[in-house]
Protein backbone atom coordinates (compact mmCIF):
# COMPACT_ATOMS: atom_id res chain seq x y z
CA MET A 1 90.52 76.61 75.99
CA THR A 2 93.68 78.28 75.56
CA ILE A 3 93.53 82.13 76.27
CA THR A 4 95.77 84.72 74.81
CA VAL A 5 95.72 88.49 75.73
CA ARG A 6 96.56 91.23 73.44
CA PRO A 7 96.66 95.02 73.09
CA ALA A 8 93.08 96.25 72.58
CA THR A 9 93.95 97.67 69.01
CA VAL A 10 90.65 96.03 67.11
CA PHE A 11 87.90 98.33 67.92
CA ASP A 12 85.25 96.02 66.89
CA ASP A 13 86.58 93.74 69.78
CA VAL A 14 86.60 96.41 72.27
CA LYS A 15 82.97 97.25 71.26
CA ALA A 16 81.91 93.63 71.63
CA MET A 17 83.25 93.92 75.40
CA VAL A 18 82.22 97.42 76.33
CA GLY A 19 79.79 98.94 73.86
CA PRO A 20 76.10 98.89 74.06
CA LYS A 21 73.89 96.88 71.77
CA ASN A 22 71.93 100.19 70.84
CA PRO A 23 74.63 102.67 69.62
CA GLU A 24 72.39 105.57 70.75
CA SER A 25 72.82 104.56 74.50
CA ASN A 26 75.30 106.45 76.69
CA VAL A 27 76.92 103.45 78.29
CA CYS A 28 80.18 103.85 80.05
CA TRP A 29 82.65 102.45 77.17
CA CYS A 30 85.06 102.22 80.16
CA LEU A 31 85.50 105.94 79.89
CA SER A 32 84.45 107.07 83.01
CA TYR A 33 87.79 106.80 84.59
CA ARG A 34 89.67 107.45 81.60
CA ILE A 35 88.50 110.87 80.89
CA PRO A 36 87.51 114.05 82.68
CA ALA A 37 83.83 114.14 83.92
CA LYS A 38 83.01 117.16 81.81
CA LEU A 39 83.96 115.30 78.48
CA ASN A 40 82.53 112.02 79.86
CA GLY A 41 79.36 113.84 80.23
CA GLU A 42 79.45 115.81 76.83
CA LEU A 43 80.02 112.55 74.86
CA ARG A 44 76.81 111.28 73.76
CA GLY A 45 75.71 108.02 71.81
CA PRO A 46 77.88 107.16 68.92
CA GLN A 47 80.29 109.96 69.84
CA ARG A 48 81.45 107.53 72.81
CA GLY A 49 82.12 104.75 70.44
CA GLU A 50 83.96 107.10 68.02
CA PHE A 51 86.21 108.30 71.03
CA VAL A 52 87.06 104.70 71.82
CA ARG A 53 87.73 103.84 68.07
CA ALA A 54 90.41 106.68 68.15
CA LEU A 55 91.83 105.54 71.50
CA CYS A 56 92.17 102.04 69.72
CA ALA A 57 94.50 103.67 67.05
CA GLU A 58 96.74 105.23 69.70
CA THR A 59 100.03 103.85 71.25
CA PRO A 60 99.65 102.65 73.91
CA ALA A 61 96.37 100.93 73.35
CA PRO A 62 93.61 101.56 75.78
CA GLY A 63 93.86 98.28 77.56
CA VAL A 64 94.11 94.47 76.77
CA LEU A 65 91.58 92.06 75.28
CA ALA A 66 91.25 88.20 75.99
CA TYR A 67 90.74 85.68 73.19
CA ASP A 68 89.62 82.08 73.27
CA GLY A 69 90.97 81.28 69.61
CA ASP A 70 89.56 84.13 67.57
CA GLU A 71 86.63 84.99 69.83
CA VAL A 72 87.08 87.91 72.22
CA VAL A 73 86.15 86.99 75.67
CA GLY A 74 87.50 89.59 78.08
CA TRP A 75 88.61 93.23 78.47
CA ALA A 76 90.72 94.95 80.94
CA ALA A 77 91.31 98.88 80.96
CA VAL A 78 94.95 99.79 81.94
CA ALA A 79 96.74 103.01 81.32
CA PRO A 80 99.06 105.39 83.19
CA ARG A 81 97.54 106.86 86.17
CA ALA A 82 98.51 110.27 85.15
CA ASN A 83 96.28 110.06 81.96
CA THR A 84 93.20 108.87 83.93
CA THR A 85 90.84 110.56 86.65
CA PHE A 86 92.69 108.54 89.16
CA ALA A 87 95.61 111.03 88.97
CA ARG A 88 93.11 113.42 90.73
CA ASN A 89 90.92 111.01 92.83
CA ARG A 90 90.84 112.01 96.34
CA LYS A 91 89.29 108.74 97.66
CA ILE A 92 91.97 106.56 96.09
CA PRO A 93 95.36 107.77 97.51
CA HIS A 94 98.89 108.00 95.59
CA VAL A 95 101.13 105.67 97.46
CA ASP A 96 104.41 107.30 96.07
CA ASP A 97 105.65 109.39 93.17
CA LEU A 98 106.32 106.54 90.94
CA GLU A 99 104.61 106.94 87.53
CA ALA A 100 102.10 104.29 88.36
CA TRP A 101 99.81 102.57 85.73
CA SER A 102 96.26 101.85 86.81
CA LEU A 103 94.17 98.75 85.94
CA TRP A 104 90.56 99.33 86.74
CA CYS A 105 88.10 97.38 84.82
CA ILE A 106 88.01 93.84 84.22
CA ARG A 107 85.26 92.37 82.24
CA THR A 108 84.65 88.61 81.04
CA ARG A 109 82.03 87.91 78.44
CA PRO A 110 78.73 86.28 79.69
CA GLY A 111 78.99 82.66 79.02
CA HIS A 112 82.77 82.36 79.51
CA ARG A 113 82.93 83.33 83.44
CA GLY A 114 84.64 80.95 85.69
CA GLN A 115 87.14 79.81 83.39
CA GLY A 116 90.23 81.88 84.62
CA ILE A 117 89.78 84.74 82.20
CA SER A 118 89.78 87.30 84.66
CA HIS A 119 93.51 86.16 85.91
CA ALA A 120 94.63 86.08 82.33
CA LEU A 121 93.46 89.68 81.89
CA ILE A 122 95.33 90.74 84.90
CA GLU A 123 98.57 89.06 83.78
CA GLY A 124 98.11 90.31 80.35
CA ALA A 125 97.55 93.91 81.83
CA VAL A 126 100.69 93.54 83.84
CA GLN A 127 102.68 92.53 80.72
CA PHE A 128 101.26 95.42 78.70
CA ALA A 129 102.15 97.74 81.27
CA LYS A 130 105.69 96.58 81.65
CA ALA A 131 106.34 96.58 77.91
CA ASN A 132 105.26 100.10 77.99
CA GLY A 133 107.75 101.21 80.61
CA ALA A 134 105.52 101.15 83.73
CA PRO A 135 107.56 100.82 86.99
CA VAL A 136 104.45 99.91 88.81
CA ILE A 137 101.06 98.86 88.41
CA GLU A 138 98.07 99.15 90.61
CA GLY A 139 94.50 98.09 90.83
CA TYR A 140 91.68 99.07 93.25
CA PRO A 141 89.53 96.30 93.78
CA VAL A 142 86.93 95.73 96.43
CA ASP A 143 88.22 93.91 99.68
CA ASN A 144 85.39 91.43 99.66
CA GLN A 145 86.68 88.96 102.16
CA GLY A 146 85.02 86.48 100.31
CA ARG A 147 81.46 88.04 100.49
CA LYS A 148 79.52 87.95 96.87
CA VAL A 149 80.23 90.83 95.10
CA ASP A 150 77.22 92.39 92.96
CA GLN A 151 77.79 91.60 89.45
CA THR A 152 77.45 95.19 88.21
CA MET A 153 80.24 96.06 90.30
CA ALA A 154 82.51 93.12 89.98
CA TYR A 155 84.54 95.09 87.11
CA VAL A 156 86.94 96.49 89.84
CA GLY A 157 87.91 92.93 90.66
CA THR A 158 88.60 91.50 94.15
CA ARG A 159 91.47 91.66 96.46
CA SER A 160 92.12 88.00 96.45
CA MET A 161 92.26 88.16 92.18
CA PHE A 162 94.92 90.63 92.56
CA GLU A 163 96.75 88.84 95.26
CA LYS A 164 96.75 85.60 93.03
CA ALA A 165 98.58 87.92 90.39
CA GLY A 166 101.22 88.76 92.91
CA PHE A 167 100.07 92.16 93.96
CA GLU A 168 100.20 93.50 97.53
CA LYS A 169 97.98 95.55 99.35
CA ALA A 170 99.54 99.13 99.41
CA ALA A 171 96.69 101.24 101.16
CA ASP A 172 93.19 101.57 102.13
CA THR A 173 90.92 103.78 100.30
CA ASP A 174 87.83 106.00 100.95
CA SER A 175 86.23 104.35 97.89
CA VAL A 176 83.74 101.80 97.76
CA SER A 177 82.04 99.77 95.11
CA GLY A 178 78.87 98.00 95.42
CA GLY A 179 78.93 98.97 99.17
CA ILE A 180 82.31 97.49 99.82
CA PRO A 181 85.53 99.15 100.60
CA ARG A 182 88.22 99.18 98.02
CA VAL A 183 91.93 99.12 98.47
CA VAL A 184 94.97 99.96 96.52
CA MET A 185 96.82 96.79 95.33
CA ARG A 186 100.36 97.34 93.89
CA LEU A 187 102.89 95.21 91.79
CA ASP A 188 106.49 96.54 91.35
CA LEU A 189 107.65 96.14 87.70
CA ARG A 190 110.99 97.08 88.18
């Protein structure tokens, strides 16, 4: 298996990774941290997908996708922190005044887990942020210290995943995911 990671410009592939089976559903579409809470609450059913379709046409794309050949097998949301709700998040601190990019969602398609796709997505997100001028990239994974992470909350990643990609712990947070504390992990891209 050879995994390639590319900017998320193909809406149907993003839909395959984060969209609902039922288009009327009000699932996340990976918008919860991307847009203000009021807008997130107003977008209903198919409107959510159409919003993401528009994001896929923007530069930079809303994240990166991992492919095994032509099959999409993973997604990572990455964007300038200033363009996300992390810009105002009181539980996840700002480390400094650098214009950091945030990597907040890592998803691997069922049937493809345990094959290193999450690691490829993190590396792809790093390269994507760097190519778009990011001086630093940060993630907000759980510091699970080897404990099992609930599958529904695993999208934030683990501290060890980020450490394997060269990130270092920059700060503790007041945020938890699945009952496990989250930390700020950073990688300087300068």
